[in-house]
Protein backbone atom coordinates (compact mmCIF):
# COMPACT_ATOMS: atom_id res chain seq x y z
CA MET A 1 -13.31 4.10 0.59
CA GLY A 2 -10.74 6.47 -0.47
CA TYR A 3 -8.54 8.26 1.48
CA ARG A 4 -9.39 6.63 4.79
CA GLU A 5 -7.64 2.92 3.65
CA GLU A 6 -5.24 4.86 1.09
CA GLN A 7 -4.15 6.21 4.75
CA GLU A 8 -4.24 3.34 6.58
CA ILE A 9 -2.01 1.10 3.78
CA LEU A 10 0.76 3.88 3.74
CA SER A 11 0.47 3.25 7.85
CA GLN A 12 1.46 -0.17 7.56
CA GLN A 13 4.93 -1.43 8.79
CA THR A 14 7.61 -2.53 6.74
CA GLU A 15 11.20 -3.81 7.15
CA VAL A 16 13.67 -2.50 5.00
CA PRO A 17 17.30 -4.61 4.68
CA CYS A 18 19.96 -2.77 5.98
CA PRO A 19 22.21 -2.27 2.53
CA GLY A 20 24.99 -2.70 4.37
CA GLY A 21 24.04 -5.86 6.27
CA GLY A 22 23.26 -4.77 10.22
CA ARG A 23 19.15 -4.83 10.88
CA ALA A 24 16.65 -4.49 8.85
CA GLN A 25 14.84 -0.82 9.60
CA ARG A 26 11.13 -0.70 10.98
CA CYS A 27 9.10 2.27 9.24
CA LYS A 28 5.81 3.06 7.71
CA MET A 29 5.77 2.29 3.78
CA ASN A 30 4.63 6.62 4.40
CA ASP A 31 8.17 6.93 5.50
CA VAL A 32 9.62 5.28 2.18
CA VAL A 33 6.47 6.91 -0.36
CA GLY A 34 6.97 10.36 1.48
CA ARG A 35 11.07 10.58 2.19
CA SER A 36 13.09 11.34 0.17
CA SER A 37 15.83 9.13 2.19
CA LEU A 38 16.05 6.78 4.46
CA ARG A 39 18.92 6.23 7.16
CA THR A 40 19.42 2.37 7.98
CA GLN A 41 22.61 1.67 10.59
CA LYS A 42 25.59 1.45 8.15
CA GLY A 43 23.92 3.19 5.04
CA GLU A 44 21.09 5.15 3.64
CA TYR A 45 18.44 4.80 1.35
CA LYS A 46 17.76 8.12 -1.53
CA PHE A 47 14.62 7.35 -3.54
CA LYS A 48 14.08 9.03 -6.59
CA SER A 49 10.87 11.15 -7.24
CA SER A 50 9.30 9.83 -10.36
CA THR A 51 9.70 6.33 -8.12
CA GLN A 52 7.62 7.87 -5.34
CA SER A 53 5.12 9.75 -7.40
CA ARG A 54 4.50 6.81 -9.55
CA ALA A 55 4.29 4.83 -6.06
CA LYS A 56 1.49 7.07 -4.62
CA SER A 57 -0.22 7.17 -8.06
CA ALA A 58 -0.34 2.74 -8.73
CA LEU A 59 -1.66 3.24 -4.46
CA ARG A 60 -4.16 5.62 -5.60
CA ASN A 61 -5.10 3.18 -8.16
CA TRP A 62 -5.44 0.21 -6.41
CA VAL A 63 -8.06 2.30 -3.92
CA LYS A 64 -10.00 2.85 -6.71
CA TYR A 65 -10.14 -0.34 -8.01
CA GLN A 66 -10.33 -2.15 -5.04
CA GLU A 67 -14.13 0.10 -4.38
CA GLU A 68 -15.12 -0.42 -8.27
CA PHE A 69 -14.53 -4.01 -7.40
CA TYR A 70 -16.26 -4.50 -4.26
CA LYS A 71 -19.34 -2.17 -6.37
CA HIS A 72 -19.96 -5.18 -8.70
CA TYR A 73 -19.27 -7.64 -5.85
CA ASN A 74 -22.10 -6.82 -4.15
CA GLU A 75 -24.29 -5.93 -7.97
CA ILE A 76 -23.34 -9.60 -8.58
CA LEU A 77 -24.80 -10.62 -4.61
CA SER A 78 -27.88 -8.83 -4.63
CA THR A 79 -28.33 -10.02 -8.95
CA ALA A 80 -27.58 -13.78 -7.33
CA GLU A 81 -30.14 -16.90 -6.82
CA ILE A 82 -29.43 -18.28 -3.17
CA THR A 83 -29.94 -22.22 -2.39
CA ILE A 84 -30.22 -23.47 0.40
CA LYS A 85 -28.42 -27.27 0.84
CA GLN A 86 -29.74 -28.57 3.76
């Protein structure tokens, strides 16, 4: 886990609402986190670099904590007593 999961999240499709009331802009998460602006039909979003940096950091932390969770989850399952009901 790690880089591959982060790239999967960044390549997910999302819709950004048009600020002027037009049709929502379809884009990838990477477009929002990686670009300085996103142009829609009737307007443009300008992103602050500090906010983008915090979003990237949060994504990395989320993937890291997910790895830790599954590691501990698998430990719990391996040490659990299993009873099968018939």
